[in-house]
Amino acid sequence: MLPLGIIAGLLIGKPLGISLFCWLALRFKLAHLPQGTTYQQIMAVGILCGIGFTMSIFIASLAFGNVDPELINWAKLGILIGSLLSAVVGYSWLRARLNAPA
């Protein structure tokens, strides 16, 4: 179950948080999209932000380092799969949005 939670955090949690706070900043006029940029592209970049090994592994080692070494291995597996899925989904999403007519 641990890898599934990490995968969900990287593939769903990060993009959701990034997209939501970008939307809030746009909604409350705290920011504006650069010319030629769509919100779909912002969402794609949010998905790509799920690619991340260093901080994820660091946090996993802090959380599970003294508990059970096997948990660190499961966490690393979840981080690897989550980052890979984020890369593939983010690339596909961004590529589809860049090729789509405006």
PDB file of N, CA and C in Angstrom:
ATOM      1  N   MET A   1       0.809  -1.202   0.000  1.00  0.00           N
ATOM      2  CA  MET A   1       0.000   0.000   0.000  1.00  0.00           C
ATOM      3  C   MET A   1       0.853   1.268   0.000  1.00  0.00           C
ATOM      4  N   LEU A   2       2.015   1.214   0.621  1.00  0.00           N
ATOM      5  CA  LEU A   2       2.878   2.392   0.696  1.00  0.00           C
ATOM      6  C   LEU A   2       3.236   2.930  -0.688  1.00  0.00           C
ATOM      7  N   PRO A   3       3.666   2.062  -1.628  1.00  0.00           N
ATOM      8  CA  PRO A   3       3.988   2.604  -2.960  1.00  0.00           C
ATOM      9  C   PRO A   3       2.787   3.253  -3.643  1.00  0.00           C
ATOM     10  N   LEU A   4       1.588   2.701  -3.433  1.00  0.00           N
ATOM     11  CA  LEU A   4       0.397   3.281  -4.065  1.00  0.00           C
ATOM     12  C   LEU A   4       0.113   4.687  -3.541  1.00  0.00           C
ATOM     13  N   GLY A   5       0.309   4.885  -2.247  1.00  0.00           N
ATOM     14  CA  GLY A   5       0.122   6.218  -1.672  1.00  0.00           C
ATOM     15  C   GLY A   5       1.119   7.221  -2.219  1.00  0.00           C
ATOM     16  N   ILE A   6       2.357   6.785  -2.372  1.00  0.00           N
ATOM     17  CA  ILE A   6       3.389   7.673  -2.913  1.00  0.00           C
ATOM     18  C   ILE A   6       3.113   7.978  -4.377  1.00  0.00           C
ATOM     19  N   ILE A   7       2.728   6.957  -5.135  1.00  0.00           N
ATOM     20  CA  ILE A   7       2.395   7.161  -6.551  1.00  0.00           C
ATOM     21  C   ILE A   7       1.238   8.156  -6.674  1.00  0.00           C
ATOM     22  N   ALA A   8       0.207   7.978  -5.853  1.00  0.00           N
ATOM     23  CA  ALA A   8      -0.939   8.898  -5.896  1.00  0.00           C
ATOM     24  C   ALA A   8      -0.518  10.317  -5.530  1.00  0.00           C
ATOM     25  N   GLY A   9       0.360  10.441  -4.554  1.00  0.00           N
ATOM     26  CA  GLY A   9       0.833  11.768  -4.166  1.00  0.00           C
ATOM     27  C   GLY A   9       1.585  12.461  -5.279  1.00  0.00           C
ATOM     28  N   LEU A  10       2.439  11.710  -5.969  1.00  0.00           N
ATOM     29  CA  LEU A  10       3.232  12.303  -7.048  1.00  0.00           C
ATOM     30  C   LEU A  10       2.399  12.548  -8.303  1.00  0.00           C
ATOM     31  N   LEU A  11       1.506  11.617  -8.625  1.00  0.00           N
ATOM     32  CA  LEU A  11       0.758  11.701  -9.878  1.00  0.00           C
ATOM     33  C   LEU A  11      -0.522  12.532  -9.756  1.00  0.00           C
ATOM     34  N   ILE A  12      -1.110  12.570  -8.571  1.00  0.00           N
ATOM     35  CA  ILE A  12      -2.368  13.295  -8.390  1.00  0.00           C
ATOM     36  C   ILE A  12      -2.190  14.506  -7.466  1.00  0.00           C
ATOM     37  N   GLY A  13      -1.533  14.308  -6.341  1.00  0.00           N
ATOM     38  CA  GLY A  13      -1.422  15.356  -5.330  1.00  0.00           C
ATOM     39  C   GLY A  13      -0.661  16.585  -5.781  1.00  0.00           C
ATOM     40  N   LYS A  14       0.525  16.386  -6.336  1.00  0.00           N
ATOM     41  CA  LYS A  14       1.316  17.544  -6.783  1.00  0.00           C
ATOM     42  C   LYS A  14       0.607  18.321  -7.888  1.00  0.00           C
ATOM     43  N   PRO A  15       0.141  17.652  -8.957  1.00  0.00           N
ATOM     44  CA  PRO A  15      -0.555  18.416 -10.004  1.00  0.00           C
ATOM     45  C   PRO A  15      -1.809  19.120  -9.489  1.00  0.00           C
ATOM     46  N   LEU A  16      -2.543  18.457  -8.599  1.00  0.00           N
ATOM     47  CA  LEU A  16      -3.753  19.066  -8.055  1.00  0.00           C
ATOM     48  C   LEU A  16      -3.414  20.322  -7.260  1.00  0.00           C
ATOM     49  N   GLY A  17      -2.409  20.241  -6.412  1.00  0.00           N
ATOM     50  CA  GLY A  17      -2.007  21.398  -5.613  1.00  0.00           C
ATOM     51  C   GLY A  17      -1.492  22.541  -6.465  1.00  0.00           C
ATOM     52  N   ILE A  18      -0.643  22.232  -7.421  1.00  0.00           N
ATOM     53  CA  ILE A  18      -0.078  23.265  -8.290  1.00  0.00           C
ATOM     54  C   ILE A  18      -1.174  23.912  -9.134  1.00  0.00           C
ATOM     55  N   SER A  19      -2.018  23.090  -9.742  1.00  0.00           N
ATOM     56  CA  SER A  19      -3.091  23.619 -10.592  1.00  0.00           C
ATOM     57  C   SER A  19      -4.083  24.442  -9.783  1.00  0.00           C
ATOM     58  N   LEU A  20      -4.434  23.963  -8.596  1.00  0.00           N
ATOM     59  CA  LEU A  20      -5.395  24.675  -7.760  1.00  0.00           C
ATOM     60  C   LEU A  20      -4.862  26.040  -7.339  1.00  0.00           C
ATOM     61  N   PHE A  21      -3.614  26.099  -6.894  1.00  0.00           N
ATOM     62  CA  PHE A  21      -3.085  27.383  -6.438  1.00  0.00           C
ATOM     63  C   PHE A  21      -2.798  28.328  -7.602  1.00  0.00           C
ATOM     64  N   CYS A  22      -2.464  27.808  -8.762  1.00  0.00           N
ATOM     65  CA  CYS A  22      -2.345  28.671  -9.950  1.00  0.00           C
ATOM     66  C   CYS A  22      -3.713  29.236 -10.314  1.00  0.00           C
ATOM     67  N   TRP A  23      -4.733  28.393 -10.264  1.00  0.00           N
ATOM     68  CA  TRP A  23      -6.085  28.847 -10.573  1.00  0.00           C
ATOM     69  C   TRP A  23      -6.522  29.930  -9.582  1.00  0.00           C
ATOM     70  N   LEU A  24      -6.236  29.710  -8.287  1.00  0.00           N
ATOM     71  CA  LEU A  24      -6.598  30.716  -7.281  1.00  0.00           C
ATOM     72  C   LEU A  24      -5.874  32.038  -7.528  1.00  0.00           C
ATOM     73  N   ALA A  25      -4.595  31.972  -7.868  1.00  0.00           N
ATOM     74  CA  ALA A  25      -3.832  33.194  -8.150  1.00  0.00           C
ATOM     75  C   ALA A  25      -4.410  33.921  -9.360  1.00  0.00           C
ATOM     76  N   LEU A  26      -4.824  33.170 -10.374  1.00  0.00           N
ATOM     77  CA  LEU A  26      -5.435  33.785 -11.553  1.00  0.00           C
ATOM     78  C   LEU A  26      -6.816  34.345 -11.214  1.00  0.00           C
ATOM     79  N   ARG A  27      -7.571  33.596 -10.458  1.00  0.00           N
ATOM     80  CA  ARG A  27      -8.937  33.990 -10.110  1.00  0.00           C
ATOM     81  C   ARG A  27      -8.967  35.281  -9.295  1.00  0.00           C
ATOM     82  N   PHE A  28      -8.032  35.421  -8.354  1.00  0.00           N
ATOM     83  CA  PHE A  28      -7.994  36.604  -7.495  1.00  0.00           C
ATOM     84  C   PHE A  28      -7.074  37.690  -8.039  1.00  0.00           C
ATOM     85  N   LYS A  29      -6.703  37.546  -9.306  1.00  0.00           N
ATOM     86  CA  LYS A  29      -5.900  38.560 -10.011  1.00  0.00           C
ATOM     87  C   LYS A  29      -4.548  38.826  -9.343  1.00  0.00           C
ATOM     88  N   LEU A  30      -3.991  37.812  -8.705  1.00  0.00           N
ATOM     89  CA  LEU A  30      -2.657  37.928  -8.129  1.00  0.00           C
ATOM     90  C   LEU A  30      -1.587  37.649  -9.182  1.00  0.00           C
ATOM     91  N   ALA A  31      -2.007  37.035 -10.281  1.00  0.00           N
ATOM     92  CA  ALA A  31      -1.090  36.703 -11.372  1.00  0.00           C
ATOM     93  C   ALA A  31      -1.894  36.656 -12.665  1.00  0.00           C
ATOM     94  N   HIS A  32      -1.194  36.591 -13.773  1.00  0.00           N
ATOM     95  CA  HIS A  32      -1.850  36.410 -15.067  1.00  0.00           C
ATOM     96  C   HIS A  32      -1.006  35.451 -15.899  1.00  0.00           C
ATOM     97  N   LEU A  33      -1.673  34.768 -16.810  1.00  0.00           N
ATOM     98  CA  LEU A  33      -0.958  33.832 -17.676  1.00  0.00           C
ATOM     99  C   LEU A  33      -0.137  34.609 -18.698  1.00  0.00           C
ATOM    100  N   PRO A  34       1.077  34.175 -18.958  1.00  0.00           N
ATOM    101  CA  PRO A  34       1.852  34.816 -20.021  1.00  0.00           C
ATOM    102  C   PRO A  34       1.140  34.649 -21.369  1.00  0.00           C
ATOM    103  N   GLN A  35       1.390  35.574 -22.256  1.00  0.00           N
ATOM    104  CA  GLN A  35       0.763  35.534 -23.573  1.00  0.00           C
ATOM    105  C   GLN A  35       1.100  34.217 -24.264  1.00  0.00           C
ATOM    106  N   GLY A  36       0.095  33.569 -24.806  1.00  0.00           N
ATOM    107  CA  GLY A  36       0.283  32.310 -25.519  1.00  0.00           C
ATOM    108  C   GLY A  36       0.252  31.080 -24.621  1.00  0.00           C
ATOM    109  N   THR A  37       0.089  31.276 -23.321  1.00  0.00           N
ATOM    110  CA  THR A  37       0.048  30.156 -22.383  1.00  0.00           C
ATOM    111  C   THR A  37      -1.396  29.858 -22.018  1.00  0.00           C
ATOM    112  N   THR A  38      -1.744  28.581 -21.997  1.00  0.00           N
ATOM    113  CA  THR A  38      -3.090  28.174 -21.609  1.00  0.00           C
ATOM    114  C   THR A  38      -3.045  27.511 -20.238  1.00  0.00           C
ATOM    115  N   TYR A  39      -4.206  27.441 -19.611  1.00  0.00           N
ATOM    116  CA  TYR A  39      -4.267  26.782 -18.311  1.00  0.00           C
ATOM    117  C   TYR A  39      -3.995  25.284 -18.453  1.00  0.00           C
ATOM    118  N   GLN A  40      -4.341  24.718 -19.597  1.00  0.00           N
ATOM    119  CA  GLN A  40      -4.047  23.300 -19.850  1.00  0.00           C
ATOM    120  C   GLN A  40      -2.540  23.044 -19.814  1.00  0.00           C
ATOM    121  N   GLN A  41      -1.770  23.987 -20.310  1.00  0.00           N
ATOM    122  CA  GLN A  41      -0.313  23.850 -20.261  1.00  0.00           C
ATOM    123  C   GLN A  41       0.194  23.947 -18.824  1.00  0.00           C
ATOM    124  N   ILE A  42      -0.423  24.804 -18.025  1.00  0.00           N
ATOM    125  CA  ILE A  42      -0.065  24.901 -16.605  1.00  0.00           C
ATOM    126  C   ILE A  42      -0.343  23.568 -15.919  1.00  0.00           C
ATOM    127  N   MET A  43      -1.457  22.949 -16.238  1.00  0.00           N
ATOM    128  CA  MET A  43      -1.785  21.649 -15.657  1.00  0.00           C
ATOM    129  C   MET A  43      -0.771  20.590 -16.078  1.00  0.00           C
ATOM    130  N   ALA A  44      -0.336  20.634 -17.330  1.00  0.00           N
ATOM    131  CA  ALA A  44       0.665  19.676 -17.805  1.00  0.00           C
ATOM    132  C   ALA A  44       1.978  19.843 -17.054  1.00  0.00           C
ATOM    133  N   VAL A  45       2.379  21.074 -16.823  1.00  0.00           N
ATOM    134  CA  VAL A  45       3.612  21.323 -16.069  1.00  0.00           C
ATOM    135  C   VAL A  45       3.436  20.865 -14.622  1.00  0.00           C
ATOM    136  N   GLY A  46       2.238  21.022 -14.072  1.00  0.00           N
ATOM    137  CA  GLY A  46       1.962  20.512 -12.730  1.00  0.00           C
ATOM    138  C   GLY A  46       2.152  19.008 -12.647  1.00  0.00           C
ATOM    139  N   ILE A  47       1.716  18.306 -13.682  1.00  0.00           N
ATOM    140  CA  ILE A  47       1.916  16.856 -13.734  1.00  0.00           C
ATOM    141  C   ILE A  47       3.402  16.542 -13.817  1.00  0.00           C
ATOM    142  N   LEU A  48       4.130  17.292 -14.633  1.00  0.00           N
ATOM    143  CA  LEU A  48       5.575  17.069 -14.757  1.00  0.00           C
ATOM    144  C   LEU A  48       6.304  17.329 -13.438  1.00  0.00           C
ATOM    145  N   CYS A  49       5.732  18.155 -12.581  1.00  0.00           N
ATOM    146  CA  CYS A  49       6.355  18.416 -11.272  1.00  0.00           C
ATOM    147  C   CYS A  49       6.326  17.188 -10.369  1.00  0.00           C
ATOM    148  N   GLY A  50       5.544  16.180 -10.738  1.00  0.00           N
ATOM    149  CA  GLY A  50       5.543  14.926  -9.986  1.00  0.00           C
ATOM    150  C   GLY A  50       6.824  14.140 -10.153  1.00  0.00           C
ATOM    151  N   ILE A  51       7.664  14.553 -11.099  1.00  0.00           N
ATOM    152  CA  ILE A  51       8.964  13.906 -11.278  1.00  0.00           C
ATOM    153  C   ILE A  51       9.880  14.466 -10.200  1.00  0.00           C
ATOM    154  N   GLY A  52      10.268  13.644  -9.294  1.00  0.00           N
ATOM    155  CA  GLY A  52      11.139  14.143  -8.236  1.00  0.00           C
ATOM    156  C   GLY A  52      11.659  13.015  -7.379  1.00  0.00           C
ATOM    157  N   PHE A  53      12.950  12.832  -7.418  1.00  0.00           N
ATOM    158  CA  PHE A  53      13.549  11.751  -6.649  1.00  0.00           C
ATOM    159  C   PHE A  53      14.156  12.258  -5.351  1.00  0.00           C
ATOM    160  N   THR A  54      14.924  13.319  -5.432  1.00  0.00           N
ATOM    161  CA  THR A  54      15.778  13.728  -4.328  1.00  0.00           C
ATOM    162  C   THR A  54      14.993  14.022  -3.062  1.00  0.00           C
ATOM    163  N   MET A  55      14.045  14.938  -3.134  1.00  0.00           N
ATOM    164  CA  MET A  55      13.289  15.300  -1.938  1.00  0.00           C
ATOM    165  C   MET A  55      12.429  14.141  -1.465  1.00  0.00           C
ATOM    166  N   SER A  56      11.838  13.410  -2.389  1.00  0.00           N
ATOM    167  CA  SER A  56      10.980  12.283  -2.013  1.00  0.00           C
ATOM    168  C   SER A  56      11.769  11.213  -1.273  1.00  0.00           C
ATOM    169  N   ILE A  57      12.936  10.880  -1.789  1.00  0.00           N
ATOM    170  CA  ILE A  57      13.764   9.867  -1.128  1.00  0.00           C
ATOM    171  C   ILE A  57      14.272  10.391   0.214  1.00  0.00           C
ATOM    172  N   PHE A  58      14.617  11.669   0.280  1.00  0.00           N
ATOM    173  CA  PHE A  58      15.071  12.265   1.537  1.00  0.00           C
ATOM    174  C   PHE A  58      13.979  12.173   2.603  1.00  0.00           C
ATOM    175  N   ILE A  59      12.760  12.551   2.249  1.00  0.00           N
ATOM    176  CA  ILE A  59      11.647  12.499   3.202  1.00  0.00           C
ATOM    177  C   ILE A  59      11.354  11.055   3.602  1.00  0.00           C
ATOM    178  N   ALA A  60      11.400  10.128   2.633  1.00  0.00           N
ATOM    179  CA  ALA A  60      11.168   8.714   2.951  1.00  0.00           C
ATOM    180  C   ALA A  60      12.223   8.188   3.916  1.00  0.00           C
ATOM    181  N   SER A  61      13.472   8.583   3.723  1.00  0.00           N
ATOM    182  CA  SER A  61      14.526   8.110   4.625  1.00  0.00           C
ATOM    183  C   SER A  61      14.360   8.708   6.022  1.00  0.00           C
ATOM    184  N   LEU A  62      13.876   9.942   6.108  1.00  0.00           N
ATOM    185  CA  LEU A  62      13.595  10.527   7.420  1.00  0.00           C
ATOM    186  C   LEU A  62      12.421   9.821   8.099  1.00  0.00           C
ATOM    187  N   ALA A  63      11.403   9.503   7.312  1.00  0.00           N
ATOM    188  CA  ALA A  63      10.198   8.905   7.876  1.00  0.00           C
ATOM    189  C   ALA A  63      10.400   7.448   8.276  1.00  0.00           C
ATOM    190  N   PHE A  64      11.141   6.696   7.471  1.00  0.00           N
ATOM    191  CA  PHE A  64      11.231   5.254   7.690  1.00  0.00           C
ATOM    192  C   PHE A  64      12.625   4.759   8.037  1.00  0.00           C
ATOM    193  N   GLY A  65      13.599   5.656   8.138  1.00  0.00           N
ATOM    194  CA  GLY A  65      14.986   5.253   8.333  1.00  0.00           C
ATOM    195  C   GLY A  65      15.226   4.401   9.560  1.00  0.00           C
ATOM    196  N   ASN A  66      14.609   4.742  10.667  1.00  0.00           N
ATOM    197  CA  ASN A  66      14.827   4.008  11.910  1.00  0.00           C
ATOM    198  C   ASN A  66      13.741   2.978  12.188  1.00  0.00           C
ATOM    199  N   VAL A  67      12.770   2.884  11.307  1.00  0.00           N
ATOM    200  CA  VAL A  67      11.642   1.984  11.542  1.00  0.00           C
ATOM    201  C   VAL A  67      11.907   0.619  10.926  1.00  0.00           C
ATOM    202  N   ASP A  68      11.992   0.596   9.612  1.00  0.00           N
ATOM    203  CA  ASP A  68      12.152  -0.670   8.899  1.00  0.00           C
ATOM    204  C   ASP A  68      12.805  -0.389   7.554  1.00  0.00           C
ATOM    205  N   PRO A  69      13.987  -0.956   7.306  1.00  0.00           N
ATOM    206  CA  PRO A  69      14.661  -0.712   6.024  1.00  0.00           C
ATOM    207  C   PRO A  69      13.839  -1.171   4.820  1.00  0.00           C
ATOM    208  N   GLU A  70      12.974  -2.157   5.020  1.00  0.00           N
ATOM    209  CA  GLU A  70      12.148  -2.626   3.909  1.00  0.00           C
ATOM    210  C   GLU A  70      11.151  -1.549   3.473  1.00  0.00           C
ATOM    211  N   LEU A  71      10.689  -0.745   4.420  1.00  0.00           N
ATOM    212  CA  LEU A  71       9.769   0.344   4.073  1.00  0.00           C
ATOM    213  C   LEU A  71      10.441   1.360   3.154  1.00  0.00           C
ATOM    214  N   ILE A  72      11.726   1.603   3.368  1.00  0.00           N
ATOM    215  CA  ILE A  72      12.450   2.529   2.490  1.00  0.00           C
ATOM    216  C   ILE A  72      12.491   1.975   1.071  1.00  0.00           C
ATOM    217  N   ASN A  73      12.702   0.663   0.942  1.00  0.00           N
ATOM    218  CA  ASN A  73      12.710   0.055  -0.392  1.00  0.00           C
ATOM    219  C   ASN A  73      11.350   0.179  -1.065  1.00  0.00           C
ATOM    220  N   TRP A  74      10.269  -0.043  -0.310  1.00  0.00           N
ATOM    221  CA  TRP A  74       8.928   0.115  -0.876  1.00  0.00           C
ATOM    222  C   TRP A  74       8.669   1.573  -1.257  1.00  0.00           C
ATOM    223  N   ALA A  75       9.141   2.486  -0.418  1.00  0.00           N
ATOM    224  CA  ALA A  75       8.976   3.911  -0.718  1.00  0.00           C
ATOM    225  C   ALA A  75       9.734   4.283  -1.988  1.00  0.00           C
ATOM    226  N   LYS A  76      10.953   3.777  -2.129  1.00  0.00           N
ATOM    227  CA  LYS A  76      11.740   4.063  -3.333  1.00  0.00           C
ATOM    228  C   LYS A  76      11.064   3.510  -4.576  1.00  0.00           C
ATOM    229  N   LEU A  77      10.449   2.336  -4.457  1.00  0.00           N
ATOM    230  CA  LEU A  77       9.714   1.770  -5.588  1.00  0.00           C
ATOM    231  C   LEU A  77       8.550   2.684  -5.972  1.00  0.00           C
ATOM    232  N   GLY A  78       7.803   3.152  -4.977  1.00  0.00           N
ATOM    233  CA  GLY A  78       6.697   4.071  -5.245  1.00  0.00           C
ATOM    234  C   GLY A  78       7.166   5.370  -5.863  1.00  0.00           C
ATOM    235  N   ILE A  79       8.301   5.886  -5.387  1.00  0.00           N
ATOM    236  CA  ILE A  79       8.863   7.128  -5.930  1.00  0.00           C
ATOM    237  C   ILE A  79       9.280   6.930  -7.380  1.00  0.00           C
ATOM    238  N   LEU A  80       9.916   5.815  -7.662  1.00  0.00           N
ATOM    239  CA  LEU A  80      10.361   5.527  -9.029  1.00  0.00           C
ATOM    240  C   LEU A  80       9.174   5.401  -9.984  1.00  0.00           C
ATOM    241  N   ILE A  81       8.181   4.612  -9.590  1.00  0.00           N
ATOM    242  CA  ILE A  81       7.011   4.414 -10.454  1.00  0.00           C
ATOM    243  C   ILE A  81       6.214   5.716 -10.589  1.00  0.00           C
ATOM    244  N   GLY A  82       6.015   6.420  -9.484  1.00  0.00           N
ATOM    245  CA  GLY A  82       5.270   7.683  -9.527  1.00  0.00           C
ATOM    246  C   GLY A  82       5.947   8.722 -10.396  1.00  0.00           C
ATOM    247  N   SER A  83       7.269   8.810 -10.295  1.00  0.00           N
ATOM    248  CA  SER A  83       8.013   9.768 -11.118  1.00  0.00           C
ATOM    249  C   SER A  83       7.952   9.383 -12.589  1.00  0.00           C
ATOM    250  N   LEU A  84       8.073   8.093 -12.864  1.00  0.00           N
ATOM    251  CA  LEU A  84       8.003   7.626 -14.253  1.00  0.00           C
ATOM    252  C   LEU A  84       6.620   7.892 -14.847  1.00  0.00           C
ATOM    253  N   LEU A  85       5.579   7.579 -14.091  1.00  0.00           N
ATOM    254  CA  LEU A  85       4.220   7.842 -14.577  1.00  0.00           C
ATOM    255  C   LEU A  85       3.974   9.338 -14.766  1.00  0.00           C
ATOM    256  N   SER A  86       4.478  10.149 -13.851  1.00  0.00           N
ATOM    257  CA  SER A  86       4.334  11.605 -13.988  1.00  0.00           C
ATOM    258  C   SER A  86       5.028  12.101 -15.246  1.00  0.00           C
ATOM    259  N   ALA A  87       6.192  11.545 -15.534  1.00  0.00           N
ATOM    260  CA  ALA A  87       6.928  11.948 -16.735  1.00  0.00           C
ATOM    261  C   ALA A  87       6.152  11.587 -17.994  1.00  0.00           C
ATOM    262  N   VAL A  88       5.649  10.370 -18.051  1.00  0.00           N
ATOM    263  CA  VAL A  88       4.936   9.911 -19.254  1.00  0.00           C
ATOM    264  C   VAL A  88       3.616  10.665 -19.426  1.00  0.00           C
ATOM    265  N   VAL A  89       2.831  10.759 -18.359  1.00  0.00           N
ATOM    266  CA  VAL A  89       1.535  11.440 -18.446  1.00  0.00           C
ATOM    267  C   VAL A  89       1.730  12.932 -18.714  1.00  0.00           C
ATOM    268  N   GLY A  90       2.672  13.558 -18.025  1.00  0.00           N
ATOM    269  CA  GLY A  90       2.930  14.987 -18.224  1.00  0.00           C
ATOM    270  C   GLY A  90       3.406  15.299 -19.628  1.00  0.00           C
ATOM    271  N   TYR A  91       4.323  14.479 -20.136  1.00  0.00           N
ATOM    272  CA  TYR A  91       4.813  14.677 -21.502  1.00  0.00           C
ATOM    273  C   TYR A  91       3.670  14.521 -22.504  1.00  0.00           C
ATOM    274  N   SER A  92       2.869  13.474 -22.333  1.00  0.00           N
ATOM    275  CA  SER A  92       1.759  13.230 -23.262  1.00  0.00           C
ATOM    276  C   SER A  92       0.746  14.367 -23.211  1.00  0.00           C
ATOM    277  N   TRP A  93       0.414  14.812 -22.007  1.00  0.00           N
ATOM    278  CA  TRP A  93      -0.560  15.899 -21.830  1.00  0.00           C
ATOM    279  C   TRP A  93      -0.032  17.181 -22.474  1.00  0.00           C
ATOM    280  N   LEU A  94       1.223  17.519 -22.193  1.00  0.00           N
ATOM    281  CA  LEU A  94       1.800  18.748 -22.739  1.00  0.00           C
ATOM    282  C   LEU A  94       1.912  18.676 -24.255  1.00  0.00           C
ATOM    283  N   ARG A  95       2.333  17.547 -24.762  1.00  0.00           N
ATOM    284  CA  ARG A  95       2.457  17.384 -26.216  1.00  0.00           C
ATOM    285  C   ARG A  95       1.098  17.532 -26.896  1.00  0.00           C
ATOM    286  N   ALA A  96       0.068  16.949 -26.308  1.00  0.00           N
ATOM    287  CA  ALA A  96      -1.278  17.061 -26.880  1.00  0.00           C
ATOM    288  C   ALA A  96      -1.768  18.507 -26.835  1.00  0.00           C
ATOM    289  N   ARG A  97      -1.449  19.240 -25.769  1.00  0.00           N
ATOM    290  CA  ARG A  97      -1.905  20.621 -25.641  1.00  0.00           C
ATOM    291  C   ARG A  97      -1.109  21.571 -26.528  1.00  0.00           C
ATOM    292  N   LEU A  98       0.148  21.263 -26.788  1.00  0.00           N
ATOM    293  CA  LEU A  98       0.949  22.128 -27.656  1.00  0.00           C
ATOM    294  C   LEU A  98       0.587  21.944 -29.123  1.00  0.00           C
ATOM    295  N   ASN A  99       0.120  20.753 -29.480  1.00  0.00           N
ATOM    296  CA  ASN A  99      -0.248  20.490 -30.866  1.00  0.00           C
ATOM    297  C   ASN A  99      -1.706  20.831 -31.157  1.00  0.00           C
ATOM    298  N   ALA A 100      -2.488  21.071 -30.112  1.00  0.00           N
ATOM    299  CA  ALA A 100      -3.906  21.372 -30.301  1.00  0.00           C
ATOM    300  C   ALA A 100      -4.074  22.800 -30.814  1.00  0.00           C
ATOM    301  N   PRO A 101      -5.071  23.022 -31.682  1.00  0.00           N
ATOM    302  CA  PRO A 101      -5.323  24.394 -32.136  1.00  0.00           C
ATOM    303  C   PRO A 101      -5.821  25.251 -30.978  1.00  0.00           C
ATOM    304  N   ALA A 102      -5.418  26.490 -30.962  1.00  0.00           N
ATOM    305  CA  ALA A 102      -5.763  27.395 -29.847  1.00  0.00           C
ATOM    306  C   ALA A 102      -7.199  27.832 -29.896  1.00  0.00           C
TER     307      ALA A 102
END
